[in-house]
C-alpha atoms as a PDB file:
ATOM      1  CA  MET A   1      94.501 117.379 166.546  1.00  0.00           C
ATOM      2  CA  ARG A   2      96.313 115.965 169.558  1.00  0.00           C
ATOM      3  CA  VAL A   3      99.714 114.398 168.894  1.00  0.00           C
ATOM      4  CA  ARG A   4     101.930 112.444 171.281  1.00  0.00           C
ATOM      5  CA  CYS A   5     105.525 113.699 171.043  1.00  0.00           C
ATOM      6  CA  VAL A   6     108.805 112.594 172.570  1.00  0.00           C
ATOM      7  CA  VAL A   7     111.663 115.023 173.241  1.00  0.00           C
ATOM      8  CA  ALA A   8     115.112 113.568 173.855  1.00  0.00           C
ATOM      9  CA  CYS A   9     117.687 115.846 175.483  1.00  0.00           C
ATOM     10  CA  HIS A  10     120.037 116.085 178.472  1.00  0.00           C
ATOM     11  CA  ASP A  11     119.100 116.895 182.051  1.00  0.00           C
ATOM     12  CA  CYS A  12     121.115 116.708 185.286  1.00  0.00           C
ATOM     13  CA  ASP A  13     121.033 112.894 185.122  1.00  0.00           C
ATOM     14  CA  GLY A  14     122.271 112.700 181.533  1.00  0.00           C
ATOM     15  CA  PRO A  15     120.233 111.742 178.457  1.00  0.00           C
ATOM     16  CA  ASN A  16     116.495 111.610 179.117  1.00  0.00           C
ATOM     17  CA  LEU A  17     113.141 111.395 177.338  1.00  0.00           C
ATOM     18  CA  TYR A  18     110.218 113.751 177.931  1.00  0.00           C
ATOM     19  CA  PHE A  19     106.703 112.951 176.745  1.00  0.00           C
ATOM     20  CA  VAL A  20     104.296 115.715 175.715  1.00  0.00           C
ATOM     21  CA  TYR A  21     100.842 115.949 174.161  1.00  0.00           C
ATOM     22  CA  VAL A  22     100.789 118.708 171.545  1.00  0.00           C
ATOM     23  CA  ASN A  23      97.515 120.239 170.366  1.00  0.00           C
ATOM     24  CA  CYS A  24      97.932 121.570 166.837  1.00  0.00           C
ATOM     25  CA  THR A  25      96.145 122.051 163.570  1.00  0.00           C
ATOM     26  CA  LYS A  26      96.732 119.752 160.600  1.00  0.00           C
ATOM     27  CA  GLN A  27      98.703 122.526 158.901  1.00  0.00           C
ATOM     28  CA  GLN A  28     100.889 123.063 161.988  1.00  0.00           C
ATOM     29  CA  TYR A  29     101.505 119.322 162.067  1.00  0.00           C
ATOM     30  CA  GLN A  30     102.471 119.230 158.389  1.00  0.00           C
ATOM     31  CA  GLU A  31     104.855 122.160 158.935  1.00  0.00           C
ATOM     32  CA  GLY A  32     106.482 120.442 161.931  1.00  0.00           C
ATOM     33  CA  LEU A  33     105.415 123.103 164.421  1.00  0.00           C
ATOM     34  CA  HIS A  34     104.329 120.395 166.866  1.00  0.00           C
ATOM     35  CA  TYR A  35     108.003 119.445 167.266  1.00  0.00           C
ATOM     36  CA  GLU A  36     108.931 123.029 168.083  1.00  0.00           C
ATOM     37  CA  ALA A  37     106.041 123.341 170.557  1.00  0.00           C
ATOM     38  CA  ALA A  38     107.124 120.178 172.370  1.00  0.00           C
ATOM     39  CA  LYS A  39     110.781 121.252 172.486  1.00  0.00           C
ATOM     40  CA  GLN A  40     109.943 124.777 173.654  1.00  0.00           C
ATOM     41  CA  PHE A  41     107.661 123.483 176.406  1.00  0.00           C
ATOM     42  CA  ILE A  42     110.356 121.149 177.726  1.00  0.00           C
ATOM     43  CA  GLU A  43     113.013 123.894 177.587  1.00  0.00           C
ATOM     44  CA  ASP A  44     110.710 126.306 179.434  1.00  0.00           C
ATOM     45  CA  ASN A  45     109.604 123.884 182.162  1.00  0.00           C
ATOM     46  CA  TYR A  46     112.578 121.611 182.861  1.00  0.00           C
ATOM     47  CA  SER A  47     116.310 122.126 183.428  1.00  0.00           C
ATOM     48  CA  VAL A  48     117.535 120.584 180.192  1.00  0.00           C
ATOM     49  CA  GLY A  49     120.039 121.214 177.436  1.00  0.00           C
ATOM     50  CA  GLY A  50     120.698 120.132 173.900  1.00  0.00           C
ATOM     51  CA  PRO A  51     121.168 118.626 171.571  1.00  0.00           C
ATOM     52  CA  PHE A  52     117.440 118.055 171.200  1.00  0.00           C
ATOM     53  CA  TRP A  53     115.767 115.331 169.183  1.00  0.00           C
ATOM     54  CA  MET A  54     112.005 115.113 168.694  1.00  0.00           C
ATOM     55  CA  CYS A  55     109.655 112.554 167.208  1.00  0.00           C
ATOM     56  CA  ASP A  56     105.923 111.920 167.281  1.00  0.00           C
ATOM     57  CA  GLU A  57     103.620 108.924 167.387  1.00  0.00           C
ATOM     58  CA  ASN A  58     103.541 108.705 163.580  1.00  0.00           C
ATOM     59  CA  ASP A  59     107.312 108.673 163.045  1.00  0.00           C
ATOM     60  CA  ALA A  60     108.887 105.253 162.622  1.00  0.00           C
ATOM     61  CA  CYS A  61     111.053 105.740 165.705  1.00  0.00           C
ATOM     62  CA  GLY A  62     108.202 107.203 167.748  1.00  0.00           C
ATOM     63  CA  VAL A  63     105.793 104.299 167.337  1.00  0.00           C
ATOM     64  CA  GLY A  64     107.642 102.110 169.822  1.00  0.00           C
ATOM     65  CA  LEU A  65     108.479 104.903 172.249  1.00  0.00           C
ATOM     66  CA  VAL A  66     104.944 106.218 172.681  1.00  0.00           C
ATOM     67  CA  GLN A  67     103.634 102.745 173.449  1.00  0.00           C
ATOM     68  CA  GLN A  68     106.013 102.425 176.422  1.00  0.00           C
ATOM     69  CA  PHE A  69     104.884 105.530 178.300  1.00  0.00           C
ATOM     70  CA  GLU A  70     101.976 106.023 180.712  1.00  0.00           C
ATOM     71  CA  TRP A  71     100.353 108.976 178.895  1.00  0.00           C
ATOM     72  CA  MET A  72      98.096 109.939 181.823  1.00  0.00           C
ATOM     73  CA  ASN A  73     101.226 111.596 183.289  1.00  0.00           C
ATOM     74  CA  ALA A  74     102.213 113.561 180.175  1.00  0.00           C
ATOM     75  CA  ASP A  75     102.369 117.339 179.954  1.00  0.00           C
ATOM     76  CA  GLU A  76     100.194 119.086 177.367  1.00  0.00           C
ATOM     77  CA  VAL A  77     100.958 122.122 175.199  1.00  0.00           C
ATOM     78  CA  THR A  78      99.349 123.929 172.251  1.00  0.00           C
ATOM     79  CA  ALA A  79     101.398 124.760 169.148  1.00  0.00           C
ATOM     80  CA  GLN A  80     101.573 128.416 168.155  1.00  0.00           C
ATOM     81  CA  GLU A  81     101.392 129.847 164.651  1.00  0.00           C
ATOM     82  CA  GLU A  82     104.682 130.947 163.167  1.00  0.00           C
ATOM     83  CA  GLU A  83     104.983 134.712 163.205  1.00  0.00           C
ATOM     84  CA  GLU A  84     105.127 136.440 159.867  1.00  0.00           C
ATOM     85  CA  PRO A  85     108.272 138.570 159.428  1.00  0.00           C
ATOM     86  CA  SER A  86     107.539 142.218 160.025  1.00  0.00           C
ATOM     87  CA  ALA A  87     108.412 144.967 157.532  1.00  0.00           C
ATOM     88  CA  GLU A  88     111.273 145.986 159.847  1.00  0.00           C
ATOM     89  CA  ASP A  89     112.820 142.509 159.474  1.00  0.00           C
ATOM     90  CA  SER A  90     113.030 142.681 155.666  1.00  0.00           C
ATOM     91  CA  ASP A  91     115.929 144.139 153.737  1.00  0.00           C
ATOM     92  CA  THR A  92     114.035 146.471 151.435  1.00  0.00           C
END
């Protein structure tokens, strides 16, 4: 599925909004991994800092925001699966 996300954070001009398409599975969406993918993409590709706030087109606050943006100009990213903890990470 393709979800429109908004990431709010700070850049050199102060508070700003970044708009990102996130490709994810239904399970990734339900687990909120699309938010992490959007945030990580913005952190990796723009000079920004926190605090970070994310919403998507289905969140009450996101409905109005996504309608105000020209989505042809949006970045696009694919959500990654969460890594399972390795045996070395456990306290056994």
